[in-house]
Amino acid sequence: MCAAGAGAAIAGRHVWLQHLPPDKVPDCGPGLDWMLDTLPLNAVLRKVFTGSGECAKVDWTFLSLSMPEWTLIWFAVFVAGAAWYGFRRA
């Protein structure tokens, strides 16, 4: 349940970034390969999770939902299923 909750949180952040107005989207940062080669791991993780402009770009949709929206839905289903399974009576 914790892993699904973390996945839902990350997907939710990505959905939030995609729905920001264009003038509020954070600036694009350097590529991941460059950051891994030049920055310490904690700085790379901080930069990755704070988002950048390319995170707001919607490259793919299915039934008018982007990939982060689909993953958020499925992570929510996993959290609900895990909670139901964990709290049901034996």
PDB file of N, CA and C in Angstrom:
ATOM      1  N   MET A   1       0.830  -1.191   0.000  1.00  0.00           N
ATOM      2  CA  MET A   1       0.000   0.000   0.000  1.00  0.00           C
ATOM      3  C   MET A   1       0.875   1.256   0.000  1.00  0.00           C
ATOM      4  N   CYS A   2       2.007   1.193   0.692  1.00  0.00           N
ATOM      5  CA  CYS A   2       2.898   2.368   0.729  1.00  0.00           C
ATOM      6  C   CYS A   2       3.477   2.668  -0.654  1.00  0.00           C
ATOM      7  N   ALA A   3       3.864   1.624  -1.380  1.00  0.00           N
ATOM      8  CA  ALA A   3       4.423   1.838  -2.723  1.00  0.00           C
ATOM      9  C   ALA A   3       3.366   2.428  -3.648  1.00  0.00           C
ATOM     10  N   ALA A   4       2.137   1.934  -3.568  1.00  0.00           N
ATOM     11  CA  ALA A   4       1.064   2.477  -4.405  1.00  0.00           C
ATOM     12  C   ALA A   4       0.751   3.916  -4.002  1.00  0.00           C
ATOM     13  N   GLY A   5       0.819   4.213  -2.711  1.00  0.00           N
ATOM     14  CA  GLY A   5       0.598   5.582  -2.247  1.00  0.00           C
ATOM     15  C   GLY A   5       1.679   6.528  -2.754  1.00  0.00           C
ATOM     16  N   ALA A   6       2.935   6.063  -2.737  1.00  0.00           N
ATOM     17  CA  ALA A   6       4.032   6.883  -3.260  1.00  0.00           C
ATOM     18  C   ALA A   6       3.866   7.093  -4.756  1.00  0.00           C
ATOM     19  N   GLY A   7       3.482   6.045  -5.475  1.00  0.00           N
ATOM     20  CA  GLY A   7       3.243   6.175  -6.914  1.00  0.00           C
ATOM     21  C   GLY A   7       2.121   7.150  -7.204  1.00  0.00           C
ATOM     22  N   ALA A   8       1.054   7.094  -6.407  1.00  0.00           N
ATOM     23  CA  ALA A   8      -0.064   8.026  -6.587  1.00  0.00           C
ATOM     24  C   ALA A   8       0.374   9.463  -6.317  1.00  0.00           C
ATOM     25  N   ALA A   9       1.216   9.650  -5.308  1.00  0.00           N
ATOM     26  CA  ALA A   9       1.694  10.999  -5.000  1.00  0.00           C
ATOM     27  C   ALA A   9       2.540  11.558  -6.145  1.00  0.00           C
ATOM     28  N   ILE A  10       3.431  10.738  -6.691  1.00  0.00           N
ATOM     29  CA  ILE A  10       4.281  11.192  -7.791  1.00  0.00           C
ATOM     30  C   ILE A  10       3.448  11.453  -9.040  1.00  0.00           C
ATOM     31  N   ALA A  11       2.513  10.549  -9.337  1.00  0.00           N
ATOM     32  CA  ALA A  11       1.641  10.753 -10.499  1.00  0.00           C
ATOM     33  C   ALA A  11       0.774  12.000 -10.311  1.00  0.00           C
ATOM     34  N   GLY A  12       0.290  12.212  -9.086  1.00  0.00           N
ATOM     35  CA  GLY A  12      -0.514  13.406  -8.799  1.00  0.00           C
ATOM     36  C   GLY A  12       0.275  14.683  -9.022  1.00  0.00           C
ATOM     37  N   ARG A  13       1.541  14.672  -8.618  1.00  0.00           N
ATOM     38  CA  ARG A  13       2.398  15.844  -8.846  1.00  0.00           C
ATOM     39  C   ARG A  13       2.574  16.088 -10.348  1.00  0.00           C
ATOM     40  N   HIS A  14       2.744  15.030 -11.109  1.00  0.00           N
ATOM     41  CA  HIS A  14       2.921  15.164 -12.555  1.00  0.00           C
ATOM     42  C   HIS A  14       1.644  15.696 -13.213  1.00  0.00           C
ATOM     43  N   VAL A  15       0.492  15.211 -12.764  1.00  0.00           N
ATOM     44  CA  VAL A  15      -0.787  15.711 -13.285  1.00  0.00           C
ATOM     45  C   VAL A  15      -0.925  17.197 -12.954  1.00  0.00           C
ATOM     46  N   TRP A  16      -0.532  17.567 -11.739  1.00  0.00           N
ATOM     47  CA  TRP A  16      -0.595  18.978 -11.329  1.00  0.00           C
ATOM     48  C   TRP A  16       0.285  19.830 -12.237  1.00  0.00           C
ATOM     49  N   LEU A  17       1.509  19.355 -12.524  1.00  0.00           N
ATOM     50  CA  LEU A  17       2.402  20.102 -13.416  1.00  0.00           C
ATOM     51  C   LEU A  17       1.800  20.259 -14.806  1.00  0.00           C
ATOM     52  N   GLN A  18       1.131  19.218 -15.305  1.00  0.00           N
ATOM     53  CA  GLN A  18       0.543  19.289 -16.637  1.00  0.00           C
ATOM     54  C   GLN A  18      -0.636  20.245 -16.712  1.00  0.00           C
ATOM     55  N   HIS A  19      -1.271  20.512 -15.603  1.00  0.00           N
ATOM     56  CA  HIS A  19      -2.445  21.385 -15.615  1.00  0.00           C
ATOM     57  C   HIS A  19      -2.147  22.818 -15.178  1.00  0.00           C
ATOM     58  N   LEU A  20      -0.881  23.133 -14.949  1.00  0.00           N
ATOM     59  CA  LEU A  20      -0.511  24.511 -14.628  1.00  0.00           C
ATOM     60  C   LEU A  20      -0.659  25.387 -15.874  1.00  0.00           C
ATOM     61  N   PRO A  21      -0.984  26.659 -15.693  1.00  0.00           N
ATOM     62  CA  PRO A  21      -0.981  27.567 -16.844  1.00  0.00           C
ATOM     63  C   PRO A  21       0.450  27.661 -17.411  1.00  0.00           C
ATOM     64  N   PRO A  22       0.586  27.879 -18.707  1.00  0.00           N
ATOM     65  CA  PRO A  22       1.921  27.890 -19.322  1.00  0.00           C
ATOM     66  C   PRO A  22       2.915  28.858 -18.663  1.00  0.00           C
ATOM     67  N   ASP A  23       2.448  29.986 -18.145  1.00  0.00           N
ATOM     68  CA  ASP A  23       3.364  30.938 -17.524  1.00  0.00           C
ATOM     69  C   ASP A  23       3.788  30.524 -16.120  1.00  0.00           C
ATOM     70  N   LYS A  24       3.146  29.521 -15.535  1.00  0.00           N
ATOM     71  CA  LYS A  24       3.484  29.052 -14.190  1.00  0.00           C
ATOM     72  C   LYS A  24       4.314  27.771 -14.190  1.00  0.00           C
ATOM     73  N   VAL A  25       4.538  27.165 -15.366  1.00  0.00           N
ATOM     74  CA  VAL A  25       5.313  25.931 -15.455  1.00  0.00           C
ATOM     75  C   VAL A  25       6.768  26.255 -15.128  1.00  0.00           C
ATOM     76  N   PRO A  26       7.421  25.450 -14.268  1.00  0.00           N
ATOM     77  CA  PRO A  26       8.830  25.714 -13.946  1.00  0.00           C
ATOM     78  C   PRO A  26       9.705  25.641 -15.189  1.00  0.00           C
ATOM     79  N   ASP A  27      10.845  26.347 -15.132  1.00  0.00           N
ATOM     80  CA  ASP A  27      11.783  26.330 -16.254  1.00  0.00           C
ATOM     81  C   ASP A  27      12.329  24.930 -16.485  1.00  0.00           C
ATOM     82  N   CYS A  28      12.664  24.648 -17.744  1.00  0.00           N
ATOM     83  CA  CYS A  28      13.268  23.353 -18.084  1.00  0.00           C
ATOM     84  C   CYS A  28      14.681  23.299 -17.520  1.00  0.00           C
ATOM     85  N   GLY A  29      15.055  22.141 -17.052  1.00  0.00           N
ATOM     86  CA  GLY A  29      16.387  21.958 -16.507  1.00  0.00           C
ATOM     87  C   GLY A  29      17.252  21.133 -17.433  1.00  0.00           C
ATOM     88  N   PRO A  30      18.475  20.848 -17.009  1.00  0.00           N
ATOM     89  CA  PRO A  30      19.367  20.029 -17.826  1.00  0.00           C
ATOM     90  C   PRO A  30      18.877  18.589 -17.890  1.00  0.00           C
ATOM     91  N   GLY A  31      19.435  17.799 -18.800  1.00  0.00           N
ATOM     92  CA  GLY A  31      19.058  16.408 -18.958  1.00  0.00           C
ATOM     93  C   GLY A  31      19.489  15.553 -17.776  1.00  0.00           C
ATOM     94  N   LEU A  32      18.810  14.439 -17.593  1.00  0.00           N
ATOM     95  CA  LEU A  32      19.095  13.543 -16.467  1.00  0.00           C
ATOM     96  C   LEU A  32      20.508  12.973 -16.545  1.00  0.00           C
ATOM     97  N   ASP A  33      20.965  12.619 -17.732  1.00  0.00           N
ATOM     98  CA  ASP A  33      22.326  12.069 -17.868  1.00  0.00           C
ATOM     99  C   ASP A  33      23.377  13.062 -17.387  1.00  0.00           C
ATOM    100  N   TRP A  34      23.234  14.303 -17.794  1.00  0.00           N
ATOM    101  CA  TRP A  34      24.188  15.323 -17.371  1.00  0.00           C
ATOM    102  C   TRP A  34      24.147  15.511 -15.862  1.00  0.00           C
ATOM    103  N   MET A  35      22.944  15.562 -15.293  1.00  0.00           N
ATOM    104  CA  MET A  35      22.827  15.756 -13.841  1.00  0.00           C
ATOM    105  C   MET A  35      23.457  14.602 -13.073  1.00  0.00           C
ATOM    106  N   LEU A  36      23.231  13.367 -13.527  1.00  0.00           N
ATOM    107  CA  LEU A  36      23.821  12.217 -12.841  1.00  0.00           C
ATOM    108  C   LEU A  36      25.341  12.219 -12.914  1.00  0.00           C
ATOM    109  N   ASP A  37      25.890  12.744 -13.999  1.00  0.00           N
ATOM    110  CA  ASP A  37      27.339  12.797 -14.149  1.00  0.00           C
ATOM    111  C   ASP A  37      27.973  13.919 -13.340  1.00  0.00           C
ATOM    112  N   THR A  38      27.257  15.001 -13.084  1.00  0.00           N
ATOM    113  CA  THR A  38      27.894  16.180 -12.488  1.00  0.00           C
ATOM    114  C   THR A  38      27.399  16.549 -11.095  1.00  0.00           C
ATOM    115  N   LEU A  39      26.216  16.116 -10.707  1.00  0.00           N
ATOM    116  CA  LEU A  39      25.659  16.519  -9.421  1.00  0.00           C
ATOM    117  C   LEU A  39      25.604  15.350  -8.453  1.00  0.00           C
ATOM    118  N   PRO A  40      25.609  15.647  -7.143  1.00  0.00           N
ATOM    119  CA  PRO A  40      25.406  14.565  -6.172  1.00  0.00           C
ATOM    120  C   PRO A  40      23.973  14.017  -6.282  1.00  0.00           C
ATOM    121  N   LEU A  41      23.783  12.773  -5.872  1.00  0.00           N
ATOM    122  CA  LEU A  41      22.499  12.098  -6.047  1.00  0.00           C
ATOM    123  C   LEU A  41      21.351  12.849  -5.373  1.00  0.00           C
ATOM    124  N   ASN A  42      21.572  13.398  -4.177  1.00  0.00           N
ATOM    125  CA  ASN A  42      20.475  14.122  -3.509  1.00  0.00           C
ATOM    126  C   ASN A  42      20.046  15.358  -4.299  1.00  0.00           C
ATOM    127  N   ALA A  43      20.978  16.031  -4.952  1.00  0.00           N
ATOM    128  CA  ALA A  43      20.628  17.192  -5.779  1.00  0.00           C
ATOM    129  C   ALA A  43      19.871  16.752  -7.025  1.00  0.00           C
ATOM    130  N   VAL A  44      20.260  15.618  -7.597  1.00  0.00           N
ATOM    131  CA  VAL A  44      19.559  15.092  -8.774  1.00  0.00           C
ATOM    132  C   VAL A  44      18.124  14.739  -8.405  1.00  0.00           C
ATOM    133  N   LEU A  45      17.945  14.031  -7.295  1.00  0.00           N
ATOM    134  CA  LEU A  45      16.586  13.661  -6.869  1.00  0.00           C
ATOM    135  C   LEU A  45      15.733  14.887  -6.585  1.00  0.00           C
ATOM    136  N   ARG A  46      16.305  15.895  -5.940  1.00  0.00           N
ATOM    137  CA  ARG A  46      15.555  17.119  -5.654  1.00  0.00           C
ATOM    138  C   ARG A  46      15.108  17.787  -6.954  1.00  0.00           C
ATOM    139  N   LYS A  47      16.016  17.854  -7.933  1.00  0.00           N
ATOM    140  CA  LYS A  47      15.693  18.483  -9.218  1.00  0.00           C
ATOM    141  C   LYS A  47      14.635  17.680  -9.973  1.00  0.00           C
ATOM    142  N   VAL A  48      14.738  16.356  -9.941  1.00  0.00           N
ATOM    143  CA  VAL A  48      13.780  15.506 -10.652  1.00  0.00           C
ATOM    144  C   VAL A  48      12.384  15.654 -10.049  1.00  0.00           C
ATOM    145  N   PHE A  49      12.277  15.685  -8.731  1.00  0.00           N
ATOM    146  CA  PHE A  49      10.966  15.726  -8.098  1.00  0.00           C
ATOM    147  C   PHE A  49      10.370  17.127  -8.002  1.00  0.00           C
ATOM    148  N   THR A  50      11.149  18.165  -8.231  1.00  0.00           N
ATOM    149  CA  THR A  50      10.557  19.503  -8.259  1.00  0.00           C
ATOM    150  C   THR A  50       9.995  19.833  -9.630  1.00  0.00           C
ATOM    151  N   GLY A  51      10.334  19.040 -10.621  1.00  0.00           N
ATOM    152  CA  GLY A  51       9.732  19.206 -11.944  1.00  0.00           C
ATOM    153  C   GLY A  51      10.475  20.194 -12.814  1.00  0.00           C
ATOM    154  N   SER A  52      10.221  20.097 -14.076  1.00  0.00           N
ATOM    155  CA  SER A  52      10.774  21.030 -15.049  1.00  0.00           C
ATOM    156  C   SER A  52       9.761  21.191 -16.169  1.00  0.00           C
ATOM    157  N   GLY A  53      10.024  22.097 -17.073  1.00  0.00           N
ATOM    158  CA  GLY A  53       9.055  22.422 -18.109  1.00  0.00           C
ATOM    159  C   GLY A  53       8.652  21.264 -18.995  1.00  0.00           C
ATOM    160  N   GLU A  54       9.590  20.353 -19.280  1.00  0.00           N
ATOM    161  CA  GLU A  54       9.214  19.248 -20.151  1.00  0.00           C
ATOM    162  C   GLU A  54       8.258  18.271 -19.467  1.00  0.00           C
ATOM    163  N   CYS A  55       8.143  18.338 -18.163  1.00  0.00           N
ATOM    164  CA  CYS A  55       7.181  17.480 -17.452  1.00  0.00           C
ATOM    165  C   CYS A  55       5.744  17.920 -17.723  1.00  0.00           C
ATOM    166  N   ALA A  56       5.554  19.157 -18.106  1.00  0.00           N
ATOM    167  CA  ALA A  56       4.206  19.670 -18.337  1.00  0.00           C
ATOM    168  C   ALA A  56       3.712  19.372 -19.748  1.00  0.00           C
ATOM    169  N   LYS A  57       4.594  18.898 -20.603  1.00  0.00           N
ATOM    170  CA  LYS A  57       4.213  18.608 -21.988  1.00  0.00           C
ATOM    171  C   LYS A  57       3.469  17.268 -22.038  1.00  0.00           C
ATOM    172  N   VAL A  58       2.320  17.275 -22.688  1.00  0.00           N
ATOM    173  CA  VAL A  58       1.536  16.049 -22.869  1.00  0.00           C
ATOM    174  C   VAL A  58       1.895  15.463 -24.228  1.00  0.00           C
ATOM    175  N   ASP A  59       2.588  14.319 -24.203  1.00  0.00           N
ATOM    176  CA  ASP A  59       3.022  13.679 -25.439  1.00  0.00           C
ATOM    177  C   ASP A  59       2.049  12.618 -25.930  1.00  0.00           C
ATOM    178  N   TRP A  60       1.253  12.068 -25.039  1.00  0.00           N
ATOM    179  CA  TRP A  60       0.426  10.916 -25.392  1.00  0.00           C
ATOM    180  C   TRP A  60      -0.873  10.991 -24.606  1.00  0.00           C
ATOM    181  N   THR A  61      -1.977  10.673 -25.252  1.00  0.00           N
ATOM    182  CA  THR A  61      -3.263  10.586 -24.560  1.00  0.00           C
ATOM    183  C   THR A  61      -4.009   9.346 -25.037  1.00  0.00           C
ATOM    184  N   PHE A  62      -4.854   8.837 -24.171  1.00  0.00           N
ATOM    185  CA  PHE A  62      -5.741   7.732 -24.499  1.00  0.00           C
ATOM    186  C   PHE A  62      -7.072   8.044 -23.839  1.00  0.00           C
ATOM    187  N   LEU A  63      -8.121   8.087 -24.616  1.00  0.00           N
ATOM    188  CA  LEU A  63      -9.451   8.492 -24.128  1.00  0.00           C
ATOM    189  C   LEU A  63      -9.371   9.846 -23.444  1.00  0.00           C
ATOM    190  N   SER A  64      -8.612  10.737 -24.024  1.00  0.00           N
ATOM    191  CA  SER A  64      -8.390  12.127 -23.601  1.00  0.00           C
ATOM    192  C   SER A  64      -7.721  12.274 -22.231  1.00  0.00           C
ATOM    193  N   LEU A  65      -7.080  11.223 -21.736  1.00  0.00           N
ATOM    194  CA  LEU A  65      -6.308  11.308 -20.492  1.00  0.00           C
ATOM    195  C   LEU A  65      -4.832  11.054 -20.808  1.00  0.00           C
ATOM    196  N   SER A  66      -3.963  11.829 -20.159  1.00  0.00           N
ATOM    197  CA  SER A  66      -2.528  11.656 -20.363  1.00  0.00           C
ATOM    198  C   SER A  66      -2.032  10.455 -19.558  1.00  0.00           C
ATOM    199  N   MET A  67      -0.803  10.049 -19.823  1.00  0.00           N
ATOM    200  CA  MET A  67      -0.220   8.915 -19.108  1.00  0.00           C
ATOM    201  C   MET A  67      -0.174   9.156 -17.592  1.00  0.00           C
ATOM    202  N   PRO A  68       0.238  10.336 -17.108  1.00  0.00           N
ATOM    203  CA  PRO A  68       0.208  10.546 -15.662  1.00  0.00           C
ATOM    204  C   PRO A  68      -1.209  10.450 -15.068  1.00  0.00           C
ATOM    205  N   GLU A  69      -2.207  10.897 -15.819  1.00  0.00           N
ATOM    206  CA  GLU A  69      -3.582  10.779 -15.324  1.00  0.00           C
ATOM    207  C   GLU A  69      -3.998   9.317 -15.231  1.00  0.00           C
ATOM    208  N   TRP A  70      -3.621   8.511 -16.232  1.00  0.00           N
ATOM    209  CA  TRP A  70      -3.929   7.081 -16.180  1.00  0.00           C
ATOM    210  C   TRP A  70      -3.207   6.405 -15.018  1.00  0.00           C
ATOM    211  N   THR A  71      -1.923   6.739 -14.831  1.00  0.00           N
ATOM    212  CA  THR A  71      -1.202   6.107 -13.727  1.00  0.00           C
ATOM    213  C   THR A  71      -1.763   6.536 -12.387  1.00  0.00           C
ATOM    214  N   LEU A  72      -2.196   7.787 -12.259  1.00  0.00           N
ATOM    215  CA  LEU A  72      -2.826   8.231 -11.019  1.00  0.00           C
ATOM    216  C   LEU A  72      -4.099   7.428 -10.741  1.00  0.00           C
ATOM    217  N   ILE A  73      -4.916   7.222 -11.761  1.00  0.00           N
ATOM    218  CA  ILE A  73      -6.137   6.427 -11.592  1.00  0.00           C
ATOM    219  C   ILE A  73      -5.791   5.015 -11.122  1.00  0.00           C
ATOM    220  N   TRP A  74      -4.827   4.373 -11.780  1.00  0.00           N
ATOM    221  CA  TRP A  74      -4.493   2.998 -11.418  1.00  0.00           C
ATOM    222  C   TRP A  74      -3.820   2.901 -10.065  1.00  0.00           C
ATOM    223  N   PHE A  75      -2.982   3.850  -9.705  1.00  0.00           N
ATOM    224  CA  PHE A  75      -2.400   3.833  -8.366  1.00  0.00           C
ATOM    225  C   PHE A  75      -3.490   4.015  -7.308  1.00  0.00           C
ATOM    226  N   ALA A  76      -4.475   4.858  -7.590  1.00  0.00           N
ATOM    227  CA  ALA A  76      -5.596   5.019  -6.657  1.00  0.00           C
ATOM    228  C   ALA A  76      -6.381   3.715  -6.515  1.00  0.00           C
ATOM    229  N   VAL A  77      -6.571   3.005  -7.625  1.00  0.00           N
ATOM    230  CA  VAL A  77      -7.235   1.695  -7.570  1.00  0.00           C
ATOM    231  C   VAL A  77      -6.406   0.722  -6.728  1.00  0.00           C
ATOM    232  N   PHE A  78      -5.086   0.722  -6.909  1.00  0.00           N
ATOM    233  CA  PHE A  78      -4.222  -0.159  -6.126  1.00  0.00           C
ATOM    234  C   PHE A  78      -4.278   0.178  -4.636  1.00  0.00           C
ATOM    235  N   VAL A  79      -4.268   1.474  -4.306  1.00  0.00           N
ATOM    236  CA  VAL A  79      -4.365   1.883  -2.901  1.00  0.00           C
ATOM    237  C   VAL A  79      -5.698   1.432  -2.310  1.00  0.00           C
ATOM    238  N   ALA A  80      -6.781   1.652  -3.050  1.00  0.00           N
ATOM    239  CA  ALA A  80      -8.102   1.242  -2.562  1.00  0.00           C
ATOM    240  C   ALA A  80      -8.174  -0.271  -2.406  1.00  0.00           C
ATOM    241  N   GLY A  81      -7.646  -1.010  -3.370  1.00  0.00           N
ATOM    242  CA  GLY A  81      -7.646  -2.465  -3.270  1.00  0.00           C
ATOM    243  C   GLY A  81      -6.815  -2.965  -2.104  1.00  0.00           C
ATOM    244  N   ALA A  82      -5.654  -2.370  -1.893  1.00  0.00           N
ATOM    245  CA  ALA A  82      -4.803  -2.765  -0.771  1.00  0.00           C
ATOM    246  C   ALA A  82      -5.472  -2.433   0.559  1.00  0.00           C
ATOM    247  N   ALA A  83      -6.115  -1.277   0.636  1.00  0.00           N
ATOM    248  CA  ALA A  83      -6.820  -0.897   1.866  1.00  0.00           C
ATOM    249  C   ALA A  83      -7.987  -1.852   2.119  1.00  0.00           C
ATOM    250  N   TRP A  84      -8.733  -2.171   1.080  1.00  0.00           N
ATOM    251  CA  TRP A  84      -9.855  -3.099   1.245  1.00  0.00           C
ATOM    252  C   TRP A  84      -9.352  -4.471   1.687  1.00  0.00           C
ATOM    253  N   TYR A  85      -8.308  -4.955   1.031  1.00  0.00           N
ATOM    254  CA  TYR A  85      -7.763  -6.262   1.374  1.00  0.00           C
ATOM    255  C   TYR A  85      -7.167  -6.260   2.784  1.00  0.00           C
ATOM    256  N   GLY A  86      -6.525  -5.180   3.164  1.00  0.00           N
ATOM    257  CA  GLY A  86      -5.884  -5.093   4.483  1.00  0.00           C
ATOM    258  C   GLY A  86      -6.865  -4.946   5.631  1.00  0.00           C
ATOM    259  N   PHE A  87      -8.005  -4.316   5.383  1.00  0.00           N
ATOM    260  CA  PHE A  87      -8.943  -4.038   6.458  1.00  0.00           C
ATOM    261  C   PHE A  87     -10.195  -4.911   6.465  1.00  0.00           C
ATOM    262  N   ARG A  88     -10.291  -5.816   5.507  1.00  0.00           N
ATOM    263  CA  ARG A  88     -11.472  -6.673   5.501  1.00  0.00           C
ATOM    264  C   ARG A  88     -11.378  -7.700   6.616  1.00  0.00           C
ATOM    265  N   ARG A  89     -12.516  -8.191   7.009  1.00  0.00           N
ATOM    266  CA  ARG A  89     -12.536  -9.178   8.097  1.00  0.00           C
ATOM    267  C   ARG A  89     -12.197 -10.553   7.547  1.00  0.00           C
ATOM    268  N   ALA A  90     -11.466 -11.294   8.332  1.00  0.00           N
ATOM    269  CA  ALA A  90     -11.057 -12.646   7.910  1.00  0.00           C
ATOM    270  C   ALA A  90     -12.218 -13.614   7.871  1.00  0.00           C
TER     271      ALA A  90
END
